[in-house]
C-alpha atoms as a PDB file:
ATOM      1  CA  MET A   1      28.535   0.441  15.619  1.00  0.00           C
ATOM      2  CA  THR A   2      26.230   2.332  16.800  1.00  0.00           C
ATOM      3  CA  LYS A   3      22.513   1.622  17.847  1.00  0.00           C
ATOM      4  CA  HIS A   4      22.006   4.157  15.773  1.00  0.00           C
ATOM      5  CA  VAL A   5      24.041   2.517  11.797  1.00  0.00           C
ATOM      6  CA  GLU A   6      23.454  -1.169  13.445  1.00  0.00           C
ATOM      7  CA  VAL A   7      18.764  -0.330  13.009  1.00  0.00           C
ATOM      8  CA  MET A   8      20.114   2.476   9.751  1.00  0.00           C
ATOM      9  CA  ASP A   9      21.072  -1.442   8.390  1.00  0.00           C
ATOM     10  CA  LEU A  10      17.981  -3.253   9.371  1.00  0.00           C
ATOM     11  CA  VAL A  11      16.090  -0.616   7.689  1.00  0.00           C
ATOM     12  CA  ALA A  12      17.973  -1.306   4.248  1.00  0.00           C
ATOM     13  CA  ARG A  13      17.599  -4.376   4.592  1.00  0.00           C
ATOM     14  CA  LEU A  14      14.095  -5.245   4.800  1.00  0.00           C
ATOM     15  CA  THR A  15      13.731  -2.296   2.144  1.00  0.00           C
ATOM     16  CA  ALA A  16      15.862  -4.518  -0.003  1.00  0.00           C
ATOM     17  CA  ALA A  17      13.927  -7.219   0.187  1.00  0.00           C
ATOM     18  CA  GLU A  18      10.363  -5.145   0.678  1.00  0.00           C
ATOM     19  CA  GLU A  19       9.127  -5.979   3.907  1.00  0.00           C
ATOM     20  CA  THR A  20       6.462  -3.321   5.812  1.00  0.00           C
ATOM     21  CA  PHE A  21       8.079  -2.209   8.744  1.00  0.00           C
ATOM     22  CA  VAL A  22       7.877   0.999  10.824  1.00  0.00           C
ATOM     23  CA  LEU A  23      10.387   3.436  11.232  1.00  0.00           C
ATOM     24  CA  ALA A  24       9.206   5.841  14.472  1.00  0.00           C
ATOM     25  CA  THR A  25      12.644   8.320  15.283  1.00  0.00           C
ATOM     26  CA  VAL A  26      12.392  10.983  17.819  1.00  0.00           C
ATOM     27  CA  VAL A  27      12.642  14.565  16.999  1.00  0.00           C
ATOM     28  CA  ARG A  28      12.687  16.306  19.751  1.00  0.00           C
ATOM     29  CA  THR A  29      12.868  15.887  23.641  1.00  0.00           C
ATOM     30  CA  VAL A  30      11.977  18.244  26.518  1.00  0.00           C
ATOM     31  CA  SER A  31      12.778  17.670  30.105  1.00  0.00           C
ATOM     32  CA  VAL A  32      13.917  14.385  31.717  1.00  0.00           C
ATOM     33  CA  THR A  33      12.603  12.003  28.363  1.00  0.00           C
ATOM     34  CA  ALA A  34      14.360   7.759  28.491  1.00  0.00           C
ATOM     35  CA  ALA A  35      14.699   8.055  25.158  1.00  0.00           C
ATOM     36  CA  LYS A  36      17.122  11.254  22.620  1.00  0.00           C
ATOM     37  CA  ALA A  37      16.395  13.221  19.336  1.00  0.00           C
ATOM     38  CA  GLY A  38      17.621  10.804  17.109  1.00  0.00           C
ATOM     39  CA  ALA A  39      16.285   7.723  18.747  1.00  0.00           C
ATOM     40  CA  LYS A  40      15.213   5.236  16.056  1.00  0.00           C
ATOM     41  CA  ALA A  41      13.716   1.623  16.307  1.00  0.00           C
ATOM     42  CA  ILE A  42      11.769  -0.023  13.666  1.00  0.00           C
ATOM     43  CA  ILE A  43       8.646  -1.801  14.447  1.00  0.00           C
ATOM     44  CA  ARG A  44       7.282  -4.512  12.782  1.00  0.00           C
ATOM     45  CA  PRO A  45       3.269  -4.527  11.366  1.00  0.00           C
ATOM     46  CA  ASP A  46       2.729  -7.298  14.592  1.00  0.00           C
ATOM     47  CA  GLY A  47       3.300  -4.506  17.065  1.00  0.00           C
ATOM     48  CA  THR A  48       7.223  -6.040  17.969  1.00  0.00           C
ATOM     49  CA  ILE A  49       9.715  -3.795  18.006  1.00  0.00           C
ATOM     50  CA  VAL A  50      12.681  -5.841  16.064  1.00  0.00           C
ATOM     51  CA  ALA A  51      15.475  -2.946  16.418  1.00  0.00           C
ATOM     52  CA  GLY A  52      15.988   0.440  17.854  1.00  0.00           C
ATOM     53  CA  TRP A  53      14.843   1.539  21.015  1.00  0.00           C
ATOM     54  CA  ILE A  54      12.383   5.131  21.547  1.00  0.00           C
ATOM     55  CA  GLY A  55      12.203   5.021  25.231  1.00  0.00           C
ATOM     56  CA  GLY A  56       9.700   3.014  27.918  1.00  0.00           C
ATOM     57  CA  GLY A  57       6.150   1.982  28.535  1.00  0.00           C
ATOM     58  CA  CYS A  58       5.773   6.119  28.556  1.00  0.00           C
ATOM     59  CA  ALA A  59       5.524   6.373  25.498  1.00  0.00           C
ATOM     60  CA  ARG A  60       4.880   3.123  23.570  1.00  0.00           C
ATOM     61  CA  GLY A  61       1.501   2.972  23.692  1.00  0.00           C
ATOM     62  CA  ALA A  62       0.913   6.153  21.749  1.00  0.00           C
ATOM     63  CA  VAL A  63       3.645   4.947  19.599  1.00  0.00           C
ATOM     64  CA  LEU A  64       2.417   1.721  18.464  1.00  0.00           C
ATOM     65  CA  LYS A  65      -1.030   3.347  18.224  1.00  0.00           C
ATOM     66  CA  ALA A  66       0.213   5.073  15.581  1.00  0.00           C
ATOM     67  CA  ALA A  67       2.745   2.715  13.556  1.00  0.00           C
ATOM     68  CA  ARG A  68      -0.737   0.975  13.651  1.00  0.00           C
ATOM     69  CA  ASP A  69      -2.732   3.422  11.677  1.00  0.00           C
ATOM     70  CA  ALA A  70       0.235   4.220   9.595  1.00  0.00           C
ATOM     71  CA  LEU A  71       0.412   1.126   7.955  1.00  0.00           C
ATOM     72  CA  ALA A  72      -2.953   0.872   7.105  1.00  0.00           C
ATOM     73  CA  ASP A  73      -3.792   4.650   5.336  1.00  0.00           C
ATOM     74  CA  GLY A  74       0.042   4.380   4.316  1.00  0.00           C
ATOM     75  CA  GLU A  75       0.648   8.045   5.870  1.00  0.00           C
ATOM     76  CA  PRO A  76       3.289   9.298   8.186  1.00  0.00           C
ATOM     77  CA  ARG A  77       2.477  10.943  11.123  1.00  0.00           C
ATOM     78  CA  MET A  78       3.841  12.720  14.619  1.00  0.00           C
ATOM     79  CA  VAL A  79       2.602  11.856  18.208  1.00  0.00           C
ATOM     80  CA  SER A  80       3.694  14.224  20.955  1.00  0.00           C
ATOM     81  CA  VAL A  81       4.042  12.771  24.547  1.00  0.00           C
ATOM     82  CA  GLN A  82       3.949  15.637  27.514  1.00  0.00           C
ATOM     83  CA  PRO A  83       2.172  15.745  31.216  1.00  0.00           C
ATOM     84  CA  GLU A  84      -1.002  16.162  32.135  1.00  0.00           C
ATOM     85  CA  ASN A  85      -0.492  19.984  32.287  1.00  0.00           C
ATOM     86  CA  LEU A  86       1.237  20.404  29.480  1.00  0.00           C
ATOM     87  CA  LEU A  87      -1.811  18.852  27.359  1.00  0.00           C
ATOM     88  CA  ALA A  88      -3.849  21.515  29.311  1.00  0.00           C
ATOM     89  CA  GLU A  89      -1.945  24.502  28.164  1.00  0.00           C
ATOM     90  CA  LEU A  90      -2.186  23.798  25.009  1.00  0.00           C
ATOM     91  CA  GLY A  91      -5.921  22.848  25.233  1.00  0.00           C
ATOM     92  CA  VAL A  92      -5.561  19.306  23.714  1.00  0.00           C
ATOM     93  CA  ARG A  93      -6.962  16.165  24.932  1.00  0.00           C
ATOM     94  CA  PRO A  94      -4.678  13.135  24.681  1.00  0.00           C
ATOM     95  CA  GLY A  95      -5.994  11.232  21.029  1.00  0.00           C
ATOM     96  CA  GLU A  96      -6.479  14.986  19.692  1.00  0.00           C
ATOM     97  CA  ASN A  97      -4.972  14.929  17.148  1.00  0.00           C
ATOM     98  CA  ARG A  98      -4.371  19.470  15.963  1.00  0.00           C
ATOM     99  CA  ASP A  99      -2.397  20.337  13.098  1.00  0.00           C
ATOM    100  CA  GLY A 100      -0.942  17.133  11.910  1.00  0.00           C
ATOM    101  CA  VAL A 101      -0.034  16.251  15.159  1.00  0.00           C
ATOM    102  CA  ARG A 102      -1.449  13.027  17.425  1.00  0.00           C
ATOM    103  CA  PHE A 103      -0.920  14.020  21.151  1.00  0.00           C
ATOM    104  CA  ALA A 104      -0.990  11.392  23.776  1.00  0.00           C
ATOM    105  CA  GLU A 105      -0.360  12.443  27.859  1.00  0.00           C
ATOM    106  CA  ASN A 106       3.238  11.811  28.862  1.00  0.00           C
ATOM    107  CA  MET A 107       2.267   9.424  32.724  1.00  0.00           C
ATOM    108  CA  CYS A 108       5.162   8.908  33.585  1.00  0.00           C
ATOM    109  CA  PRO A 109       6.709  10.249  36.420  1.00  0.00           C
ATOM    110  CA  SER A 110       9.328  12.137  34.825  1.00  0.00           C
ATOM    111  CA  LYS A 111       6.900  14.391  32.915  1.00  0.00           C
ATOM    112  CA  GLY A 112       9.436  14.935  29.352  1.00  0.00           C
ATOM    113  CA  THR A 113       7.987  15.600  26.283  1.00  0.00           C
ATOM    114  CA  MET A 114       8.698  13.494  23.430  1.00  0.00           C
ATOM    115  CA  ASP A 115       7.774  13.957  19.725  1.00  0.00           C
ATOM    116  CA  VAL A 116       8.235  10.793  17.518  1.00  0.00           C
ATOM    117  CA  PHE A 117       7.571  10.446  13.688  1.00  0.00           C
ATOM    118  CA  VAL A 118       6.066   7.316  12.549  1.00  0.00           C
ATOM    119  CA  GLU A 119       7.077   6.275   9.130  1.00  0.00           C
ATOM    120  CA  PRO A 120       5.628   3.383   6.957  1.00  0.00           C
ATOM    121  CA  VAL A 121       7.544   2.318   4.724  1.00  0.00           C
ATOM    122  CA  LEU A 122       5.821  -0.015   2.665  1.00  0.00           C
ATOM    123  CA  PRO A 123       6.396  -2.359  -0.072  1.00  0.00           C
ATOM    124  CA  HIS A 124       5.926  -1.507  -4.029  1.00  0.00           C
ATOM    125  CA  PRO A 125       2.078  -1.526  -5.046  1.00  0.00           C
ATOM    126  CA  SER A 126       1.662  -4.994  -7.289  1.00  0.00           C
ATOM    127  CA  LEU A 127      -0.257  -4.274 -10.529  1.00  0.00           C
ATOM    128  CA  VAL A 128      -0.930  -8.525 -11.342  1.00  0.00           C
ATOM    129  CA  ILE A 129      -1.941  -7.812 -15.603  1.00  0.00           C
ATOM    130  CA  LEU A 130      -3.415 -11.270 -17.613  1.00  0.00           C
ATOM    131  CA  GLY A 131      -3.126 -11.106 -20.681  1.00  0.00           C
ATOM    132  CA  VAL A 132      -0.596  -9.972 -23.795  1.00  0.00           C
ATOM    133  CA  SER A 133      -2.330  -7.423 -25.885  1.00  0.00           C
ATOM    134  CA  PRO A 134      -1.910  -4.577 -26.866  1.00  0.00           C
ATOM    135  CA  VAL A 135      -2.970  -3.048 -24.146  1.00  0.00           C
ATOM    136  CA  ALA A 136      -1.192  -5.387 -21.961  1.00  0.00           C
ATOM    137  CA  LEU A 137       2.195  -5.120 -22.533  1.00  0.00           C
ATOM    138  CA  SER A 138       1.720  -0.697 -22.718  1.00  0.00           C
ATOM    139  CA  LEU A 139       0.019  -1.349 -18.800  1.00  0.00           C
ATOM    140  CA  ALA A 140       3.368  -3.667 -18.000  1.00  0.00           C
ATOM    141  CA  ALA A 141       5.748  -0.421 -19.446  1.00  0.00           C
ATOM    142  CA  GLN A 142       3.276   2.663 -18.028  1.00  0.00           C
ATOM    143  CA  ALA A 143       3.480   1.230 -14.294  1.00  0.00           C
ATOM    144  CA  ARG A 144       6.922  -0.133 -14.544  1.00  0.00           C
ATOM    145  CA  GLN A 145       7.519   3.762 -14.702  1.00  0.00           C
ATOM    146  CA  LEU A 146       5.284   4.367 -11.705  1.00  0.00           C
ATOM    147  CA  GLY A 147       6.883   2.361  -9.847  1.00  0.00           C
ATOM    148  CA  TYR A 148       4.562  -0.687  -9.212  1.00  0.00           C
ATOM    149  CA  HIS A 149       5.518  -4.237  -8.685  1.00  0.00           C
ATOM    150  CA  VAL A 150       4.391  -5.672 -12.431  1.00  0.00           C
ATOM    151  CA  THR A 151       3.437  -9.328 -12.868  1.00  0.00           C
ATOM    152  CA  VAL A 152       2.010 -11.080 -16.298  1.00  0.00           C
ATOM    153  CA  ALA A 153       0.281 -14.146 -17.024  1.00  0.00           C
ATOM    154  CA  ALA A 154      -0.249 -15.392 -20.080  1.00  0.00           C
ATOM    155  CA  PRO A 155       0.210 -18.811 -21.961  1.00  0.00           C
ATOM    156  CA  VAL A 156       3.498 -18.985 -23.779  1.00  0.00           C
ATOM    157  CA  ALA A 157       1.691 -19.397 -26.808  1.00  0.00           C
ATOM    158  CA  GLU A 158       1.293 -15.972 -26.751  1.00  0.00           C
ATOM    159  CA  ILE A 159       3.833 -14.451 -25.496  1.00  0.00           C
ATOM    160  CA  THR A 160       5.716 -13.219 -28.408  1.00  0.00           C
ATOM    161  CA  ASP A 161       6.736  -9.842 -26.947  1.00  0.00           C
ATOM    162  CA  THR A 162       8.983  -9.764 -24.279  1.00  0.00           C
ATOM    163  CA  PRO A 163       6.762  -7.862 -20.775  1.00  0.00           C
ATOM    164  CA  ASP A 164       8.040  -5.562 -18.872  1.00  0.00           C
ATOM    165  CA  ALA A 165       7.574  -7.015 -16.203  1.00  0.00           C
ATOM    166  CA  ASP A 166       8.842  -8.587 -12.986  1.00  0.00           C
ATOM    167  CA  MET A 167       7.035 -11.093 -13.111  1.00  0.00           C
ATOM    168  CA  LEU A 168       5.836 -13.916 -16.057  1.00  0.00           C
ATOM    169  CA  ILE A 169       4.088 -16.360 -15.347  1.00  0.00           C
ATOM    170  CA  GLU A 170       2.370 -18.965 -17.791  1.00  0.00           C
ATOM    171  CA  GLY A 171      -0.574 -19.104 -17.731  1.00  0.00           C
ATOM    172  CA  TYR A 172      -3.731 -18.033 -15.520  1.00  0.00           C
ATOM    173  CA  THR A 173      -2.194 -20.064 -12.322  1.00  0.00           C
ATOM    174  CA  LEU A 174      -1.503 -17.541 -10.465  1.00  0.00           C
ATOM    175  CA  GLY A 175       0.500 -19.105  -6.966  1.00  0.00           C
ATOM    176  CA  LYS A 176       2.285 -16.496  -5.342  1.00  0.00           C
ATOM    177  CA  LEU A 177       2.310 -13.264  -6.319  1.00  0.00           C
ATOM    178  CA  HIS A 178       3.863  -9.875  -4.862  1.00  0.00           C
ATOM    179  CA  GLU A 179       2.948  -9.052  -1.581  1.00  0.00           C
ATOM    180  CA  ALA A 180       1.406  -5.342  -1.496  1.00  0.00           C
ATOM    181  CA  LYS A 181      -1.519  -3.422  -2.116  1.00  0.00           C
ATOM    182  CA  ARG A 182      -3.117  -5.725  -5.415  1.00  0.00           C
ATOM    183  CA  PHE A 183      -4.279  -4.050  -8.331  1.00  0.00           C
ATOM    184  CA  VAL A 184      -5.868  -6.702 -10.536  1.00  0.00           C
ATOM    185  CA  VAL A 185      -6.245  -6.138 -14.634  1.00  0.00           C
ATOM    186  CA  VAL A 186      -8.125  -8.553 -17.141  1.00  0.00           C
ATOM    187  CA  SER A 187      -6.731  -7.756 -20.979  1.00  0.00           C
ATOM    188  CA  THR A 188      -7.038 -10.468 -22.793  1.00  0.00           C
ATOM    189  CA  GLN A 189      -8.513  -9.130 -25.826  1.00  0.00           C
ATOM    190  CA  GLY A 190     -11.244 -12.738 -26.324  1.00  0.00           C
ATOM    191  CA  LYS A 191      -7.580 -15.325 -25.482  1.00  0.00           C
ATOM    192  CA  GLY A 192      -8.580 -16.735 -22.520  1.00  0.00           C
ATOM    193  CA  ASP A 193     -11.671 -14.301 -21.201  1.00  0.00           C
ATOM    194  CA  GLU A 194     -13.289 -16.968 -19.302  1.00  0.00           C
ATOM    195  CA  ALA A 195      -9.580 -18.440 -17.452  1.00  0.00           C
ATOM    196  CA  ALA A 196      -8.921 -15.191 -16.824  1.00  0.00           C
ATOM    197  CA  LEU A 197     -11.235 -13.746 -15.240  1.00  0.00           C
ATOM    198  CA  ARG A 198     -11.551 -16.441 -13.141  1.00  0.00           C
ATOM    199  CA  ALA A 199      -8.300 -16.611 -12.131  1.00  0.00           C
ATOM    200  CA  ALA A 200      -8.829 -12.791 -11.839  1.00  0.00           C
ATOM    201  CA  VAL A 201     -11.629 -12.377  -9.466  1.00  0.00           C
ATOM    202  CA  SER A 202     -10.309 -15.527  -7.161  1.00  0.00           C
ATOM    203  CA  THR A 203      -6.938 -13.275  -6.130  1.00  0.00           C
ATOM    204  CA  GLU A 204      -7.303 -10.834  -3.602  1.00  0.00           C
ATOM    205  CA  ALA A 205      -6.687  -7.037  -4.388  1.00  0.00           C
ATOM    206  CA  ALA A 206      -8.208  -3.864  -3.977  1.00  0.00           C
ATOM    207  CA  TYR A 207      -8.752  -3.434  -7.165  1.00  0.00           C
ATOM    208  CA  HIS A 208      -9.940  -5.773  -9.930  1.00  0.00           C
ATOM    209  CA  ALA A 209     -10.728  -4.412 -13.560  1.00  0.00           C
ATOM    210  CA  PHE A 210     -11.488  -6.186 -17.130  1.00  0.00           C
ATOM    211  CA  VAL A 211     -10.346  -4.210 -21.030  1.00  0.00           C
ATOM    212  CA  GLY A 212     -13.606  -4.788 -22.907  1.00  0.00           C
ATOM    213  CA  SER A 213     -17.022  -3.855 -23.280  1.00  0.00           C
ATOM    214  CA  ARG A 214     -20.373  -3.692 -20.773  1.00  0.00           C
ATOM    215  CA  ARG A 215     -21.955  -6.079 -23.447  1.00  0.00           C
ATOM    216  CA  LYS A 216     -18.885  -8.702 -23.843  1.00  0.00           C
ATOM    217  CA  MET A 217     -18.489  -8.638 -19.734  1.00  0.00           C
ATOM    218  CA  ALA A 218     -21.842  -9.194 -19.071  1.00  0.00           C
ATOM    219  CA  ALA A 219     -21.310 -12.032 -20.697  1.00  0.00           C
ATOM    220  CA  LEU A 220     -19.140 -13.549 -18.956  1.00  0.00           C
ATOM    221  CA  HIS A 221     -20.798 -12.535 -16.162  1.00  0.00           C
ATOM    222  CA  ALA A 222     -23.772 -15.048 -17.335  1.00  0.00           C
ATOM    223  CA  LYS A 223     -21.494 -17.548 -18.037  1.00  0.00           C
ATOM    224  CA  LEU A 224     -18.994 -17.405 -15.128  1.00  0.00           C
ATOM    225  CA  ILE A 225     -21.900 -17.712 -12.638  1.00  0.00           C
ATOM    226  CA  ALA A 226     -23.632 -20.967 -14.266  1.00  0.00           C
ATOM    227  CA  GLU A 227     -20.202 -22.356 -13.318  1.00  0.00           C
ATOM    228  CA  GLY A 228     -20.585 -21.606  -9.416  1.00  0.00           C
ATOM    229  CA  ILE A 229     -18.198 -18.680  -9.749  1.00  0.00           C
ATOM    230  CA  ASP A 230     -19.751 -16.451  -6.372  1.00  0.00           C
ATOM    231  CA  ALA A 231     -21.400 -13.754  -8.423  1.00  0.00           C
ATOM    232  CA  SER A 232     -19.996 -10.972  -5.024  1.00  0.00           C
ATOM    233  CA  ALA A 233     -17.037 -11.689  -6.516  1.00  0.00           C
ATOM    234  CA  LEU A 234     -17.767 -10.744 -10.344  1.00  0.00           C
ATOM    235  CA  ASP A 235     -19.529  -7.555  -9.125  1.00  0.00           C
ATOM    236  CA  ARG A 236     -16.472  -6.000  -8.431  1.00  0.00           C
ATOM    237  CA  VAL A 237     -15.089  -6.402 -11.688  1.00  0.00           C
ATOM    238  CA  LYS A 238     -14.938  -2.977 -13.452  1.00  0.00           C
ATOM    239  CA  ALA A 239     -15.595  -3.265 -16.964  1.00  0.00           C
ATOM    240  CA  PRO A 240     -14.389  -1.232 -18.927  1.00  0.00           C
ATOM    241  CA  ALA A 241     -11.875  -0.405 -17.227  1.00  0.00           C
ATOM    242  CA  GLY A 242     -10.084   2.785 -16.324  1.00  0.00           C
ATOM    243  CA  LEU A 243     -11.171   6.208 -16.115  1.00  0.00           C
ATOM    244  CA  ASP A 244     -13.233   8.017 -19.305  1.00  0.00           C
ATOM    245  CA  LEU A 245     -11.014   9.615 -20.800  1.00  0.00           C
ATOM    246  CA  GLY A 246     -11.915   9.246 -24.210  1.00  0.00           C
ATOM    247  CA  ALA A 247      -8.537   6.885 -24.903  1.00  0.00           C
ATOM    248  CA  ILE A 248      -8.471   4.477 -28.034  1.00  0.00           C
ATOM    249  CA  THR A 249      -5.312   3.806 -28.150  1.00  0.00           C
ATOM    250  CA  PRO A 250      -3.566  -0.231 -26.521  1.00  0.00           C
ATOM    251  CA  GLU A 251      -1.313   3.320 -24.606  1.00  0.00           C
ATOM    252  CA  GLU A 252      -4.542   5.686 -24.022  1.00  0.00           C
ATOM    253  CA  ILE A 253      -6.104   2.966 -22.397  1.00  0.00           C
ATOM    254  CA  ALA A 254      -3.337   1.921 -20.625  1.00  0.00           C
ATOM    255  CA  MET A 255      -2.743   5.412 -18.886  1.00  0.00           C
ATOM    256  CA  SER A 256      -6.929   5.235 -18.151  1.00  0.00           C
ATOM    257  CA  ILE A 257      -6.489   2.189 -16.391  1.00  0.00           C
ATOM    258  CA  LEU A 258      -3.580   3.184 -14.367  1.00  0.00           C
ATOM    259  CA  ALA A 259      -5.196   6.822 -13.266  1.00  0.00           C
ATOM    260  CA  GLU A 260      -7.879   4.709 -12.357  1.00  0.00           C
ATOM    261  CA  ILE A 261      -6.030   2.694 -10.823  1.00  0.00           C
ATOM    262  CA  THR A 262      -4.667   6.046  -8.804  1.00  0.00           C
ATOM    263  CA  VAL A 263      -8.029   6.776  -7.603  1.00  0.00           C
ATOM    264  CA  GLU A 264      -8.021   3.429  -6.292  1.00  0.00           C
ATOM    265  CA  ARG A 265      -4.483   3.542  -4.920  1.00  0.00           C
ATOM    266  CA  ARG A 266      -4.753   6.856  -2.899  1.00  0.00           C
ATOM    267  CA  ARG A 267      -7.731   7.365  -1.585  1.00  0.00           C
ATOM    268  CA  GLY A 268      -8.060   8.442   2.116  1.00  0.00           C
ATOM    269  CA  GLN A 269      -4.873   9.646   1.280  1.00  0.00           C
ATOM    270  CA  ARG A 270      -5.520  13.966   0.163  1.00  0.00           C
ATOM    271  CA  GLY A 271      -3.471  16.765   0.982  1.00  0.00           C
ATOM    272  CA  ALA A 272       0.024  15.583  -0.516  1.00  0.00           C
ATOM    273  CA  GLY A 273       2.461  17.571   1.667  1.00  0.00           C
ATOM    274  CA  LYS A 274       0.624  17.289   5.427  1.00  0.00           C
ATOM    275  CA  LEU A 275       0.764  14.894   7.865  1.00  0.00           C
ATOM    276  CA  GLN A 276      -2.873  12.907   7.456  1.00  0.00           C
ATOM    277  CA  VAL A 277      -4.231  11.683  10.640  1.00  0.00           C
ATOM    278  CA  ALA A 278      -6.611   9.276  11.689  1.00  0.00           C
END
């Protein structure tokens, strides 16, 4: 088995396990370089190269920095490591980004050029829904079609229809959740609002929302603060949930919530089709 096959086998296993990593691939070399085109490496979030090889210290620093940035914004990037004289000919400085390429200086005696494509591989985003209202059930089904890992939590007595979800939790004690960028929506429709909202704000997420009116949320806000819940955590909850699309039916309301989540999920990732660079 070649090293290339071993790397790709590990890529498949890590992807199936929904683990976070970066795949770095050498796409071009000029002159003498330690690694050749096609060489690959798997980089963990802590910067450890766990499989493969893309060369020594001449390129490692630039690639690891690009890997950290790629994991931060979820976008791939190209890194071009070149000797100082070639960078000068191009009119770029080390660390500069141009046309989707980040340039770095090769300070090794070989003075070769190596272009590396750095691609983040991230778990499916996580959507946690508290409640089994019609909006909650529709939200779960639509989110699954969009590739979310969906968790639905509700008291067992209220679960009359099995939600379309990856994980079903009885009650609002969430415990260990899917490790990914997370979005939390409370859609209880008056059944256990306080308990669900208390669980939601205690769960780390990029987005918290409550399906209900501003007046209802204001009443819950005051009550939970009186019970000792942190006001700043409650202030982060979007209520009513979703973009104002004029939605009426549960399916439309669910769609408006997913639209709002999409805006938050894709924030900073505009320009699809282009390599995004920090």
